[in-house]
Protein backbone atom coordinates (compact mmCIF):
# COMPACT_ATOMS: atom_id res chain seq x y z
CA MET A 1 1.71 -22.59 -6.73
CA ALA A 2 4.69 -24.33 -5.19
CA HIS A 3 6.73 -23.60 -8.31
CA LEU A 4 6.31 -19.84 -8.07
CA ALA A 5 8.88 -18.11 -5.87
CA PRO A 6 10.27 -14.59 -6.26
CA TYR A 7 13.78 -13.83 -7.42
CA PRO A 8 16.18 -13.94 -4.45
CA GLY A 9 18.07 -10.85 -3.38
CA MET A 10 21.71 -10.71 -4.50
CA PRO A 11 24.63 -9.50 -2.35
CA LYS A 12 24.54 -6.10 -4.11
CA HIS A 13 20.91 -5.70 -2.96
CA MET A 14 21.15 -7.28 0.50
CA GLU A 15 24.42 -5.97 1.91
CA PRO A 16 23.64 -2.24 1.63
CA MET A 17 20.52 -2.98 3.66
CA GLY A 18 22.56 -4.47 6.49
CA PHE A 19 21.50 -8.05 5.65
CA PRO A 20 23.89 -10.92 4.85
CA GLY A 21 24.68 -10.92 1.14
CA GLU A 22 23.87 -14.62 0.83
CA ARG A 23 22.53 -17.43 3.01
CA VAL A 24 24.72 -17.72 6.09
CA GLU A 25 26.38 -21.07 6.88
CA ASN A 26 24.55 -21.63 10.17
CA TRP A 27 21.25 -20.34 8.79
CA GLN A 28 19.11 -22.88 10.67
CA GLN A 29 20.45 -21.83 14.05
CA LYS A 30 20.34 -18.13 13.15
CA GLY A 31 16.78 -18.44 11.86
CA VAL A 32 15.52 -20.08 15.03
CA GLU A 33 17.36 -17.52 17.15
CA LYS A 34 15.75 -14.72 15.13
CA LEU A 35 12.32 -16.26 15.65
CA GLY A 36 13.01 -16.37 19.39
CA GLU A 37 14.07 -12.72 19.29
CA LEU A 38 10.85 -11.71 17.50
CA LEU A 39 8.69 -13.69 19.94
CA LYS A 40 10.13 -11.59 22.77
CA LYS A 41 9.95 -8.36 20.80
CA TYR A 42 6.40 -8.75 19.44
CA ARG A 43 4.08 -10.32 22.02
CA SER A 44 1.33 -10.31 19.40
CA LEU A 45 3.34 -12.76 17.30
CA GLN A 46 3.41 -15.41 20.02
CA VAL A 47 -0.30 -14.86 20.69
CA TYR A 48 -1.08 -15.36 17.00
CA LEU A 49 1.02 -18.54 16.94
CA ASP A 50 -0.60 -19.94 20.09
CA ILE A 51 -4.32 -19.21 19.83
CA CYS A 52 -5.37 -20.58 16.43
CA VAL A 53 -7.86 -23.45 16.86
CA LYS A 54 -8.09 -24.19 13.11
CA CYS A 55 -11.78 -23.35 12.98
CA GLY A 56 -11.55 -22.78 9.23
CA ALA A 57 -13.15 -19.32 9.19
CA CYS A 58 -10.25 -17.88 7.18
CA THR A 59 -9.73 -20.71 4.71
CA ASP A 60 -11.68 -19.27 1.77
CA LYS A 61 -11.09 -15.58 2.50
CA CYS A 62 -7.69 -15.13 0.81
CA HIS A 63 -7.74 -13.89 -2.78
CA TYR A 64 -4.68 -16.00 -3.57
CA TYR A 65 -6.36 -19.17 -2.32
CA LEU A 66 -9.52 -18.35 -4.26
CA GLY A 67 -7.43 -17.73 -7.37
CA THR A 68 -4.99 -20.64 -7.07
CA GLN A 69 -6.82 -23.30 -4.99
CA ASP A 70 -3.42 -24.07 -3.42
CA ALA A 71 -4.04 -25.22 0.17
CA ASN A 72 -0.88 -23.49 1.35
CA ASN A 73 -2.53 -20.22 0.41
CA MET A 74 -5.24 -20.75 2.99
CA PRO A 75 -4.24 -18.25 5.69
CA VAL A 76 -4.37 -20.91 8.39
CA GLN A 77 -2.13 -23.24 6.41
CA ARG A 78 0.31 -20.50 5.43
CA ALA A 79 0.66 -19.52 9.10
CA GLU A 80 1.08 -23.19 9.99
CA LEU A 81 4.41 -23.08 8.14
CA MET A 82 5.70 -20.89 10.98
CA ARG A 83 3.61 -22.44 13.76
CA SER A 84 5.11 -25.88 13.10
CA VAL A 85 8.63 -24.46 13.50
CA TYR A 86 7.57 -22.47 16.57
CA ARG A 87 6.22 -25.64 18.21
CA ARG A 88 9.43 -27.55 17.43
CA TYR A 89 11.77 -25.13 19.15
CA PHE A 90 9.66 -23.15 21.62
CA THR A 91 7.10 -25.54 23.15
CA PRO A 92 7.78 -28.52 25.49
CA ALA A 93 5.59 -30.87 23.46
CA GLY A 94 7.30 -29.93 20.22
CA LYS A 95 10.76 -30.45 21.70
CA MET A 96 9.92 -33.90 23.15
CA PHE A 97 7.30 -35.31 20.79
CA PRO A 98 7.47 -33.36 17.51
CA GLY A 99 5.60 -35.99 15.53
CA LEU A 100 2.61 -35.84 17.84
CA VAL A 101 2.10 -32.07 17.57
CA ASN A 102 3.11 -31.53 13.96
CA ALA A 103 6.32 -29.77 14.89
CA VAL A 104 8.98 -29.65 12.17
CA ASP A 105 12.63 -28.74 11.91
CA PHE A 106 13.66 -25.49 10.27
CA ASP A 107 15.31 -27.34 7.42
CA GLU A 108 15.85 -26.92 3.69
CA GLU A 109 12.34 -28.05 2.74
CA THR A 110 10.71 -25.78 5.30
CA LEU A 111 12.77 -22.76 4.26
CA GLN A 112 11.81 -23.31 0.62
CA LYS A 113 8.13 -23.33 1.59
CA TRP A 114 8.60 -20.17 3.65
CA PHE A 115 10.29 -18.36 0.76
CA THR A 116 7.54 -19.45 -1.63
CA TYR A 117 4.37 -19.01 0.38
CA PHE A 118 5.27 -16.06 2.58
CA HIS A 119 5.76 -14.33 -0.77
CA GLN A 120 2.28 -15.41 -1.82
CA CYS A 121 0.69 -13.26 0.90
CA SER A 122 0.06 -9.59 0.15
CA GLN A 123 -0.41 -8.74 3.84
CA CYS A 124 -3.90 -7.46 3.03
CA ARG A 125 -5.45 -8.64 6.34
CA ARG A 126 -8.76 -9.77 4.85
CA CYS A 127 -8.42 -13.08 6.71
CA SER A 128 -8.13 -11.24 10.02
CA VAL A 129 -11.57 -9.66 9.48
CA PHE A 130 -13.14 -13.11 9.54
CA CYS A 131 -10.95 -14.71 12.25
CA PRO A 132 -12.97 -14.98 15.50
CA PHE A 133 -9.72 -14.47 17.46
CA GLY A 134 -8.46 -11.58 15.35
CA ILE A 135 -5.29 -13.37 14.26
CA ASP A 136 -3.37 -11.10 11.92
CA THR A 137 -1.70 -13.40 9.43
CA ALA A 138 0.01 -10.40 7.81
CA GLU A 139 2.07 -9.98 10.99
CA ILE A 140 3.19 -13.60 10.69
CA THR A 141 4.19 -13.03 7.07
CA MET A 142 6.15 -9.93 8.03
CA ALA A 143 7.96 -11.85 10.78
CA ALA A 144 8.83 -14.65 8.35
CA ARG A 145 10.29 -12.19 5.86
CA GLU A 146 12.25 -10.48 8.65
CA ILE A 147 13.72 -13.85 9.68
CA MET A 148 14.63 -14.77 6.11
CA ASN A 149 16.36 -11.43 5.53
CA ALA A 150 18.34 -11.98 8.73
CA ILE A 151 19.79 -15.23 7.35
CA GLY A 152 20.49 -13.80 3.90
CA VAL A 153 17.41 -15.09 2.06
CA GLY A 154 15.75 -11.93 0.80
CA HIS A 155 13.40 -10.92 -1.98
CA LYS A 156 15.18 -9.00 -4.76
CA TYR A 157 12.25 -6.74 -5.72
CA SER A 158 11.58 -5.35 -2.26
CA VAL A 159 15.15 -4.88 -1.06
CA GLU A 160 16.22 -3.34 -4.37
CA ILE A 161 13.42 -0.78 -4.13
CA ILE A 162 14.23 0.10 -0.53
CA GLY A 163 17.84 0.61 -1.56
CA LYS A 164 16.75 3.15 -4.20
CA VAL A 165 14.78 5.11 -1.62
CA HIS A 166 17.73 5.24 0.77
CA GLN A 167 20.05 6.32 -2.03
CA ILE A 168 17.91 8.60 -4.21
CA GLY A 169 14.65 9.25 -2.37
CA ASN A 170 12.05 7.25 -4.26
CA ASN A 171 11.18 3.72 -5.35
CA LEU A 172 11.80 4.38 -9.01
CA GLY A 173 15.19 6.02 -8.66
CA ILE A 174 14.02 9.29 -10.25
CA PRO A 175 16.78 11.91 -9.77
CA LYS A 176 15.97 15.52 -9.00
CA PRO A 177 16.55 16.89 -12.56
CA ALA A 178 14.13 14.33 -14.01
CA LEU A 179 11.55 15.02 -11.32
CA LYS A 180 11.84 18.77 -11.90
CA GLY A 181 11.43 18.32 -15.64
CA THR A 182 8.36 16.13 -15.17
CA LEU A 183 6.64 18.64 -12.88
CA GLU A 184 7.36 21.49 -15.33
CA PHE A 185 5.93 19.41 -18.16
CA LEU A 186 2.75 18.76 -16.18
CA GLU A 187 2.40 22.47 -15.43
CA GLU A 188 2.45 23.12 -19.19
CA GLU A 189 -0.07 20.34 -19.73
CA ILE A 190 -2.51 21.85 -17.23
CA LEU A 191 -2.01 25.34 -18.66
CA ASP A 192 -2.69 24.10 -22.18
CA SER A 193 -5.81 22.15 -21.17
CA THR A 194 -7.36 24.62 -18.71
CA GLY A 195 -5.77 28.02 -19.35
CA HIS A 196 -4.83 28.23 -15.68
CA ASP A 197 -1.30 28.58 -14.35
CA VAL A 198 -1.37 25.69 -11.86
CA ARG A 199 2.03 25.12 -10.27
CA LEU A 200 3.72 21.94 -9.04
CA PRO A 201 6.49 23.44 -6.87
CA LEU A 202 9.60 21.48 -5.94
CA ASP A 203 11.63 22.06 -2.76
CA GLN A 204 9.77 25.28 -1.95
CA PRO A 205 10.66 26.48 1.61
CA GLY A 206 7.84 27.98 3.65
CA ALA A 207 5.00 26.30 1.76
CA ASP A 208 1.95 25.46 3.84
CA VAL A 209 1.89 21.79 2.86
CA LEU A 210 4.44 19.11 2.02
CA LEU A 211 2.74 16.77 -0.46
CA VAL A 212 4.18 13.27 -0.30
CA ALA A 213 2.95 11.24 -3.25
CA PRO A 214 3.87 7.77 -4.48
CA SER A 215 6.61 8.15 -7.09
CA ALA A 216 4.41 6.38 -9.64
CA ASP A 217 2.37 9.59 -9.66
CA PHE A 218 5.31 11.33 -11.36
CA PHE A 219 5.42 9.25 -14.51
CA SER A 220 2.86 6.42 -14.77
CA GLU A 221 -0.60 6.38 -16.26
CA PRO A 222 -3.18 6.68 -14.83
CA HIS A 223 -1.39 7.79 -11.65
CA ILE A 224 -0.20 11.06 -13.15
CA GLN A 225 -3.80 12.17 -13.73
CA SER A 226 -4.38 12.16 -9.97
CA LEU A 227 -1.21 14.17 -9.37
CA MET A 228 -2.57 16.88 -11.65
CA GLY A 229 -5.83 16.66 -9.69
CA TYR A 230 -4.02 17.26 -6.38
CA ALA A 231 -2.30 20.34 -7.86
CA LYS A 232 -5.61 21.76 -9.10
CA VAL A 233 -7.13 21.33 -5.62
CA PHE A 234 -4.25 23.19 -3.94
CA HIS A 235 -4.38 25.90 -6.61
CA GLN A 236 -8.11 26.39 -6.31
CA ALA A 237 -8.04 26.49 -2.50
CA GLY A 238 -5.19 29.01 -2.48
CA ILE A 239 -3.07 26.76 -0.23
CA SER A 240 0.62 26.69 -1.05
CA PHE A 241 2.33 23.32 -1.27
CA THR A 242 5.57 21.74 -2.30
CA ILE A 243 6.92 18.38 -3.38
CA SER A 244 10.33 17.36 -2.04
CA SER A 245 13.10 15.94 -4.22
CA TYR A 246 14.71 14.41 -1.10
CA ALA A 247 11.51 12.77 0.18
CA SER A 248 9.81 12.09 -3.15
CA GLU A 249 8.21 8.81 -2.12
CA ALA A 250 5.15 8.07 -0.02
CA ALA A 251 5.44 4.29 -0.39
CA ASN A 252 7.37 2.44 2.29
CA PHE A 253 8.47 -1.10 1.45
CA GLY A 254 10.07 -1.39 4.88
CA MET A 255 6.64 -2.55 6.04
CA PHE A 256 6.52 -5.29 3.40
CA ILE A 257 9.77 -6.89 4.61
CA GLY A 258 8.75 -6.59 8.26
CA SER A 259 11.55 -4.18 9.13
CA TYR A 260 10.71 -1.29 11.44
CA GLU A 261 14.32 -0.17 11.08
CA HIS A 262 13.97 0.42 7.34
CA GLN A 263 10.42 1.66 7.70
CA LYS A 264 11.69 4.29 10.13
CA LYS A 265 14.64 5.24 7.95
CA ILE A 266 12.40 5.77 4.90
CA ALA A 267 9.82 7.76 6.86
CA LYS A 268 12.55 9.86 8.46
CA ARG A 269 13.30 11.48 5.12
CA VAL A 270 9.74 12.86 5.06
CA VAL A 271 9.85 14.23 8.60
CA GLU A 272 13.29 15.78 8.06
CA GLN A 273 12.12 17.53 4.90
CA ALA A 274 8.97 18.78 6.57
CA ARG A 275 11.10 20.37 9.30
CA ASP A 276 13.70 21.75 6.88
CA LEU A 277 11.11 23.24 4.53
CA LYS A 278 9.16 24.59 7.53
CA VAL A 279 5.80 23.35 6.27
CA LYS A 280 2.73 23.37 8.49
CA ARG A 281 0.91 20.32 7.19
CA LEU A 282 1.68 16.88 5.74
CA VAL A 283 -0.59 15.48 3.02
CA VAL A 284 -0.19 12.00 1.54
CA GLY A 285 -1.21 11.13 -2.03
CA GLU A 286 -3.18 8.16 -3.33
CA CYS A 287 -1.22 5.15 -2.05
CA GLY A 288 -2.72 2.49 0.18
CA HIS A 289 0.15 1.14 2.27
CA ALA A 290 1.81 4.57 2.30
CA TRP A 291 -1.24 5.97 4.03
CA ARG A 292 -1.12 3.14 6.55
CA VAL A 293 2.52 3.88 7.37
CA ALA A 294 1.86 7.63 7.59
CA TYR A 295 -1.29 7.18 9.66
CA SER A 296 0.09 4.57 12.05
CA PHE A 297 3.84 5.05 12.20
CA TRP A 298 5.21 8.45 11.13
CA ASN A 299 4.53 10.00 14.51
CA THR A 300 5.63 7.01 16.60
CA LEU A 301 8.75 6.19 14.57
CA ASN A 302 10.01 9.73 13.95
CA GLY A 303 7.83 12.00 16.03
CA PRO A 304 6.67 14.00 17.71
CA LEU A 305 5.40 16.01 14.76
CA ASP A 306 5.12 19.01 17.04
CA PHE A 307 6.17 21.47 14.34
CA LEU A 308 2.87 21.03 12.45
CA ASP A 309 -0.07 23.40 12.67
CA PRO A 310 -1.97 22.37 15.86
CA ARG A 311 -5.17 22.28 13.79
CA TYR A 312 -3.58 19.57 11.63
CA PRO A 313 -1.25 17.73 14.03
CA ALA A 314 -1.16 14.48 12.04
CA PRO A 315 -0.66 13.58 8.37
CA GLN A 316 -3.77 13.89 6.21
CA HIS A 317 -4.80 11.77 3.26
CA ILE A 318 -5.32 13.76 0.05
CA CYS A 319 -8.93 12.55 -0.03
CA GLU A 320 -9.44 13.82 3.52
CA PHE A 321 -7.83 17.13 2.53
CA THR A 322 -9.98 17.61 -0.58
CA HIS A 323 -13.14 16.44 1.18
CA ASP A 324 -12.65 19.04 3.92
CA LEU A 325 -12.28 21.81 1.31
CA LEU A 326 -15.39 20.59 -0.47
CA GLN A 327 -17.39 20.59 2.77
CA ARG A 328 -16.25 24.17 3.45
CA GLY A 329 -17.36 25.36 0.01
CA ALA A 330 -13.86 26.04 -1.29
CA LEU A 331 -14.25 23.86 -4.39
CA SER A 332 -16.83 23.73 -7.17
CA LEU A 333 -17.17 20.46 -9.08
CA ASP A 334 -19.03 19.94 -12.33
CA LYS A 335 -20.35 16.38 -12.31
CA GLU A 336 -21.19 16.51 -16.02
CA ALA A 337 -17.46 16.62 -16.79
CA ASN A 338 -17.42 12.90 -15.96
CA ASP A 339 -20.67 11.95 -17.68
CA ASN A 340 -18.77 9.60 -19.96
CA TYR A 341 -18.03 7.45 -16.91
CA ARG A 342 -20.15 5.07 -14.88
CA VAL A 343 -18.01 4.65 -11.80
CA THR A 344 -17.38 2.08 -9.11
CA PHE A 345 -14.83 2.19 -6.29
CA HIS A 346 -12.26 -0.36 -5.11
CA ASP A 347 -11.40 -0.03 -1.41
CA SER A 348 -7.66 -0.50 -1.03
CA CYS A 349 -6.85 -3.10 1.61
CA ASN A 350 -4.40 -1.13 3.74
CA VAL A 351 -6.66 1.92 3.80
CA ALA A 352 -9.79 -0.11 4.51
CA ARG A 353 -8.49 -2.39 7.25
CA ALA A 354 -5.65 -0.50 8.90
CA THR A 355 -6.45 3.23 8.85
CA ARG A 356 -9.21 5.77 8.91
CA MET A 357 -9.83 9.25 7.47
CA GLY A 358 -11.51 12.26 9.01
CA PRO A 359 -13.13 12.56 12.43
CA LYS A 360 -15.74 9.81 12.05
CA ALA A 361 -15.36 6.03 12.17
CA GLY A 362 -15.63 4.61 8.67
CA GLY A 363 -14.33 7.81 7.08
CA GLN A 364 -11.88 5.76 5.04
CA PHE A 365 -14.90 4.22 3.28
CA GLU A 366 -17.18 7.23 2.98
CA ILE A 367 -14.80 10.10 2.18
CA PRO A 368 -13.52 8.67 -1.13
CA ARG A 369 -17.10 7.77 -2.11
CA ASP A 370 -18.29 11.29 -1.22
CA LEU A 371 -15.63 12.73 -3.53
CA ILE A 372 -16.67 10.40 -6.34
CA ARG A 373 -20.37 11.24 -5.92
CA ALA A 374 -19.47 14.96 -5.92
CA SER A 375 -17.47 14.50 -9.12
CA CYS A 376 -19.77 12.38 -11.26
CA ASN A 377 -23.43 11.55 -11.79
CA HIS A 378 -23.17 7.78 -12.05
CA PHE A 379 -21.76 5.75 -9.17
CA VAL A 380 -22.48 2.23 -8.02
CA ASP A 381 -20.80 0.04 -5.43
CA MET A 382 -19.72 -3.53 -6.07
CA ASP A 383 -21.14 -6.46 -4.04
CA GLU A 384 -21.21 -5.68 -0.34
CA ASP A 385 -19.13 -8.74 0.50
CA THR A 386 -16.29 -7.25 -1.56
CA ILE A 387 -16.20 -3.65 -0.30
CA HIS A 388 -15.32 -1.71 2.87
CA GLU A 389 -13.45 -3.93 5.38
CA LYS A 390 -14.29 -7.02 3.29
CA THR A 391 -12.57 -5.65 0.19
CA PHE A 392 -10.30 -7.94 -1.80
CA CYS A 393 -6.66 -7.12 -2.42
CA CYS A 394 -5.78 -6.20 -6.00
CA GLY A 395 -3.32 -9.11 -6.02
CA GLY A 396 -0.14 -7.03 -6.28
CA GLY A 397 0.32 -5.63 -2.78
CA GLY A 398 2.78 -6.58 -0.06
CA GLY A 399 5.83 -6.33 -2.32
CA LEU A 400 4.50 -8.78 -4.92
CA LEU A 401 4.11 -6.31 -7.82
CA THR A 402 6.89 -7.94 -9.77
CA ASP A 403 6.83 -9.70 -13.12
CA GLU A 404 8.22 -13.06 -11.96
CA LEU A 405 5.03 -13.41 -9.88
CA MET A 406 2.70 -12.41 -12.74
CA ASP A 407 0.84 -15.74 -12.76
CA LEU A 408 0.08 -15.32 -9.05
CA ARG A 409 -0.93 -11.69 -9.57
CA ILE A 410 -3.39 -12.60 -12.31
CA ARG A 411 -4.94 -15.37 -10.23
CA GLY A 412 -5.01 -13.19 -7.12
CA ALA A 413 -7.00 -10.51 -8.92
CA LEU A 414 -9.78 -12.98 -9.75
CA PRO A 415 -12.15 -12.16 -6.83
CA ARG A 416 -12.04 -8.42 -7.50
CA VAL A 417 -12.35 -8.91 -11.26
CA THR A 418 -15.41 -11.12 -10.70
CA ALA A 419 -17.13 -8.39 -8.66
CA LEU A 420 -16.12 -5.74 -11.19
CA LYS A 421 -17.52 -7.72 -14.09
CA ARG A 422 -20.88 -7.98 -12.33
CA VAL A 423 -21.32 -4.19 -12.15
CA MET A 424 -19.93 -3.79 -15.66
CA GLU A 425 -22.71 -6.08 -16.88
CA SER A 426 -25.52 -4.90 -14.61
CA ASP A 427 -24.78 -1.15 -14.43
CA LYS A 428 -22.56 -0.52 -17.46
CA VAL A 429 -19.65 0.51 -15.22
CA ASN A 430 -16.64 1.62 -17.26
CA PHE A 431 -14.39 3.23 -14.62
CA MET A 432 -13.01 1.77 -11.38
CA ALA A 433 -11.72 4.55 -9.12
CA LEU A 434 -8.77 3.76 -6.85
CA ILE A 435 -6.70 5.44 -4.15
CA CYS A 436 -3.63 3.20 -4.29
CA ALA A 437 -0.63 3.35 -6.60
CA ILE A 438 -0.07 -0.40 -6.43
CA CYS A 439 -3.73 -1.12 -7.22
CA LYS A 440 -3.53 1.18 -10.25
CA ALA A 441 -0.37 -0.52 -11.54
CA GLN A 442 -1.67 -4.02 -10.83
CA PHE A 443 -5.11 -3.60 -12.40
CA SER A 444 -3.71 -1.76 -15.43
CA LYS A 445 -1.58 -4.83 -16.09
CA VAL A 446 -3.91 -7.71 -15.22
CA LEU A 447 -7.38 -6.50 -16.27
CA PRO A 448 -6.55 -6.98 -19.98
CA MET A 449 -5.84 -10.65 -19.11
CA TYR A 450 -9.53 -10.86 -18.20
CA GLY A 451 -10.69 -9.04 -21.32
CA ILE A 452 -11.14 -5.66 -19.59
CA SER A 453 -9.46 -2.53 -20.95
CA MET A 454 -6.81 -0.91 -18.77
CA ASP A 455 -8.63 2.40 -19.40
CA VAL A 456 -11.17 1.26 -16.80
CA VAL A 457 -8.57 2.02 -14.12
CA GLY A 458 -8.15 5.51 -12.65
CA GLY A 459 -7.76 7.58 -9.52
CA VAL A 460 -10.35 9.36 -7.41
CA HIS A 461 -8.48 12.61 -8.00
CA GLN A 462 -8.55 11.92 -11.72
CA LEU A 463 -12.30 12.37 -11.47
CA VAL A 464 -11.83 15.44 -9.25
CA SER A 465 -9.36 16.82 -11.78
CA ASN A 466 -11.90 16.48 -14.58
CA ALA A 467 -14.69 18.07 -12.57
CA ILE A 468 -13.00 20.88 -10.67
CA GLN A 469 -13.95 24.38 -11.76
CA LEU A 470 -10.79 26.46 -11.72
CA GLY A 471 -11.16 30.18 -11.15
CA ALA A 472 -14.44 30.22 -9.23
CA LYS A 473 -14.11 31.02 -5.50
CA LYS A 474 -10.32 30.84 -5.78
CA GLY A 475 -8.49 31.26 -2.51
CA VAL A 476 -11.53 31.32 -0.20
CA VAL A 477 -9.74 29.16 2.40
């Protein structure tokens, strides 16, 4: 896939982010200096560059390698693109005898390979599960993207999206009037379909919960079905909540470009709104990498979150929130409402391998499945080598959900599609439940390329939304 690189960032995208608008004249020197800076800043990076013994355990674990058969998409080979430069400038052997240790200059050819193949990694971390040394190739990809941005070689899709969040508050650039109109429309939809006055409040001071959903939930199908499901859960439990027009995005592409500075700036909007609106809890909607950022970084980057209710001192995933209510008897679900579905579940990579939910280890695997089993009568898992921590990426994560990479996205989805087809044939599965906005968008687009209807794709809270019994036990919590 050497021909497939993303569109480069233009000055109008790069400069507002604090990056050079175009490739700087002394980019080779600056790139090597940036690598040296990151080696001092992130000790893990140097460890990952030093300890690989090329055992081959990771070679066939990447969905992009399985889909493309391009050797540079083997995790070990992709990381070698940086290791060879690291050896050239930061090891004695590489400085004196580069040819003997496969050390290479950071030159035009190398930079082109970096730009191509470090944008053919979705940072899903599946390779790290199988690495006997725990090498996290995603961290190497993030470092490479951080170096390239520093010399003015950025990825248009990611930096453009981050710019929209800084300017407007969400990835899609939805202004407040449009967001308000959408939420009012959905309230009417729920009222018409259920007869219940379920609200989707915006910028409501004093609400118990600030709900931070991926902006795709506000307009895309099937995402919007889950948003209505969240609202029904809050309504039924009698817990007030609000959505913020200022912090109307759970996703955080700062992670995809390896920038803690931008990751912090994006997350800061959420924490500021939580304080200003005086909420007591933070709940994150169905978005995989957003949950990882919230779970791992909100408190450390912008904390302490000492204003939250001491019983809920950290952000909660919406599945965790709903599961807790279900366990406490606050919700009634009618499984027969989903009898037209035979359901399977796709573990999202960032949730599966970089977070957890609830008080027990493995909660990130079991809680979504518990909700599905409580919402429908027919559930089956896909092959065990493709679920839980071994799950495959959808093929669109890590900032690669862009049309110029469509060929890569289709090929990258192959391992998951193969597992899905097996349960579709053996168990008549016709619905794949997801808890990630990117997974929903990616599968909706690429499944038809494999002869599978996009209607197979949906959210866990879409099933909850269908099954929830409004009116019974209302406000028991």
